[in-house]
Protein backbone atom coordinates (compact mmCIF):
# COMPACT_ATOMS: atom_id res chain seq x y z
CA MET A 1 -6.76 -24.29 -2.78
CA ALA A 2 -9.71 -22.20 -1.22
CA SER A 3 -9.54 -22.22 2.60
CA ASN A 4 -12.39 -21.67 4.96
CA ARG A 5 -11.30 -18.01 5.19
CA ALA A 6 -12.32 -17.68 1.37
CA LEU A 7 -15.77 -18.56 2.36
CA LEU A 8 -15.90 -15.56 4.60
CA LEU A 9 -16.19 -13.17 1.62
CA LYS A 10 -20.00 -14.05 1.32
CA GLY A 11 -20.78 -17.54 2.45
CA GLY A 12 -21.08 -20.54 0.28
CA ARG A 13 -18.54 -22.65 -1.41
CA CYS A 14 -15.75 -21.30 -3.72
CA HIS A 15 -15.68 -22.86 -7.05
CA PRO A 16 -13.55 -21.70 -10.08
CA THR A 17 -15.52 -20.10 -12.87
CA PRO A 18 -14.87 -19.17 -16.34
CA SER A 19 -15.14 -15.57 -15.48
CA THR A 20 -12.17 -13.25 -16.82
CA VAL A 21 -11.31 -9.72 -16.12
CA GLY A 22 -10.43 -7.80 -19.33
CA HIS A 23 -12.02 -10.07 -21.69
CA GLY A 24 -13.79 -7.87 -24.21
CA ALA A 25 -12.66 -4.76 -22.49
CA SER A 26 -11.01 -1.79 -24.04
CA GLN A 27 -7.31 -1.26 -23.40
CA ARG A 28 -8.05 1.39 -20.88
CA ASP A 29 -10.21 -1.05 -18.92
CA LEU A 30 -7.73 -3.86 -18.76
CA PRO A 31 -6.24 -4.99 -15.48
CA ALA A 32 -2.70 -4.05 -14.62
CA ILE A 33 0.18 -5.64 -12.62
CA GLU A 34 2.74 -2.97 -11.95
CA GLN A 35 6.19 -3.85 -10.31
CA GLU A 36 8.39 -1.40 -8.61
CA PRO A 37 11.73 -2.40 -6.83
CA THR A 38 11.96 -1.66 -3.04
CA LYS A 39 15.05 0.10 -1.32
CA GLY A 40 17.90 -2.50 -1.36
CA HIS A 41 16.22 -4.31 -4.37
CA LYS A 42 15.71 -7.59 -2.49
CA ALA A 43 11.89 -7.28 -2.89
CA VAL A 44 9.49 -5.84 -5.34
CA LYS A 45 6.18 -3.91 -4.69
CA VAL A 46 3.55 -5.48 -6.99
CA ASN A 47 0.54 -3.36 -7.52
CA PHE A 48 -2.57 -5.33 -8.61
CA VAL A 49 -4.94 -3.04 -10.27
CA LEU A 50 -8.54 -3.45 -11.71
CA PRO A 51 -10.89 -0.97 -13.01
CA THR A 52 -13.71 -0.31 -10.41
CA ASP A 53 -16.34 -1.79 -12.71
CA ALA A 54 -14.46 -4.78 -13.89
CA VAL A 55 -15.72 -7.19 -11.10
CA ALA A 56 -18.88 -6.34 -9.18
CA GLY A 57 -18.65 -6.23 -5.35
CA LYS A 58 -15.67 -6.66 -3.15
CA VAL A 59 -12.58 -8.36 -4.68
CA SER A 60 -9.21 -9.51 -3.22
CA VAL A 61 -6.13 -10.70 -5.05
CA VAL A 62 -5.28 -14.12 -3.63
CA GLY A 63 -2.31 -16.28 -4.30
CA ASP A 64 0.49 -18.59 -3.10
CA PHE A 65 2.17 -15.45 -1.83
CA ASN A 66 -0.76 -14.96 0.86
CA GLY A 67 -1.91 -18.36 1.38
CA TRP A 68 -4.99 -17.78 -0.82
CA ASP A 69 -6.37 -15.65 1.79
CA PRO A 70 -9.04 -13.32 0.49
CA LEU A 71 -8.81 -11.18 3.72
CA ALA A 72 -5.15 -10.48 3.28
CA ASN A 73 -4.94 -8.10 0.19
CA PRO A 74 -8.42 -6.76 -0.64
CA LEU A 75 -8.49 -4.31 -3.55
CA ARG A 76 -9.27 -0.74 -2.26
CA PRO A 77 -10.89 2.06 -4.45
CA ARG A 78 -8.64 4.79 -5.82
CA ARG A 79 -9.56 8.29 -7.07
CA ASN A 80 -8.64 7.56 -10.58
CA GLY A 81 -11.49 4.89 -11.12
CA THR A 82 -9.43 1.78 -10.19
CA ARG A 83 -9.07 -0.43 -7.11
CA SER A 84 -5.74 -1.84 -6.20
CA ALA A 85 -3.73 -3.79 -3.59
CA VAL A 86 0.05 -3.54 -3.18
CA VAL A 87 2.04 -6.79 -2.07
CA THR A 88 5.67 -6.69 -1.50
CA LEU A 89 7.32 -10.05 -2.76
CA PRO A 90 10.84 -11.35 -2.81
CA ARG A 91 12.75 -11.18 -6.10
CA GLY A 92 13.65 -14.21 -8.16
CA ARG A 93 10.44 -16.18 -7.58
CA ARG A 94 7.18 -16.96 -9.43
CA PHE A 95 3.79 -16.68 -7.94
CA ALA A 96 0.34 -17.85 -8.95
CA PHE A 97 -2.71 -15.69 -8.26
CA ARG A 98 -6.29 -14.97 -9.23
CA TYR A 99 -9.01 -12.51 -8.23
CA LEU A 100 -11.67 -13.69 -5.83
CA ALA A 101 -14.95 -11.61 -5.66
CA GLU A 102 -17.88 -11.78 -3.24
CA GLY A 103 -19.82 -14.88 -3.39
CA GLY A 104 -16.76 -17.09 -4.10
CA ARG A 105 -16.52 -15.95 -7.71
CA TRP A 106 -13.00 -16.44 -9.27
CA HIS A 107 -11.72 -14.09 -11.97
CA ASP A 108 -8.86 -14.53 -14.19
CA ASP A 109 -6.38 -11.87 -15.41
CA ASP A 110 -6.11 -12.16 -19.01
CA THR A 111 -3.02 -9.91 -19.12
CA ALA A 112 -0.88 -12.12 -16.96
CA GLU A 113 2.43 -13.32 -18.29
CA ALA A 114 1.60 -16.96 -17.96
CA PHE A 115 -1.00 -19.55 -16.69
CA GLU A 116 -0.70 -22.90 -15.01
CA PRO A 117 -3.37 -25.54 -14.15
CA ASN A 118 -4.55 -25.13 -10.53
CA GLY A 119 -5.57 -28.86 -9.76
CA VAL A 120 -9.29 -28.10 -9.47
CA GLY A 121 -10.29 -27.79 -13.18
CA GLY A 122 -9.16 -24.23 -13.81
CA HIS A 123 -5.91 -22.27 -14.04
CA ASN A 124 -3.90 -19.66 -12.11
CA ALA A 125 -2.34 -16.57 -13.59
CA VAL A 126 1.55 -16.51 -12.93
CA ILE A 127 3.99 -13.66 -12.39
CA HIS A 128 7.72 -13.71 -12.23
CA ILE A 129 9.34 -11.30 -9.82
C-alpha cells in the first residue's frame, strides 16, 4: 500500500501502527469528514479535518482516491485551530483512507463510518460518497 513516495515524508519504512486520531479526545477535538455537493452534483467535495494538535508534525490524508500518495493531499493549518485537506470525489463510490504523519506513522480516524482490513495487518477507514 505505501509507495516509495510515502517514504519521502521523513525517510524510513512506513508501517501501520495502532495510533488513532480522536481516541480519548473530547468531542470538540475529534476529526471530521465534511461532505458538500459540487455544482452539477456529479462530485462531492470532502473536507478531511483534524485538530492541529491531534497528530504531531506534518500529516496527509492518503487513500485509494489519491494512490496513497502523501504528497497529494497534505493537511494545511486553518485559523480556527484545525488543519484540513479538501478532495473532490465522484458520487456513488466508496473510498478507503488513513492519515499518514511524518516518519511513516499511520493514524486512524475513529469517526469514520466503516473500516476494512488493509492486507498488511491493519485496517483502513471507509467513506461512501
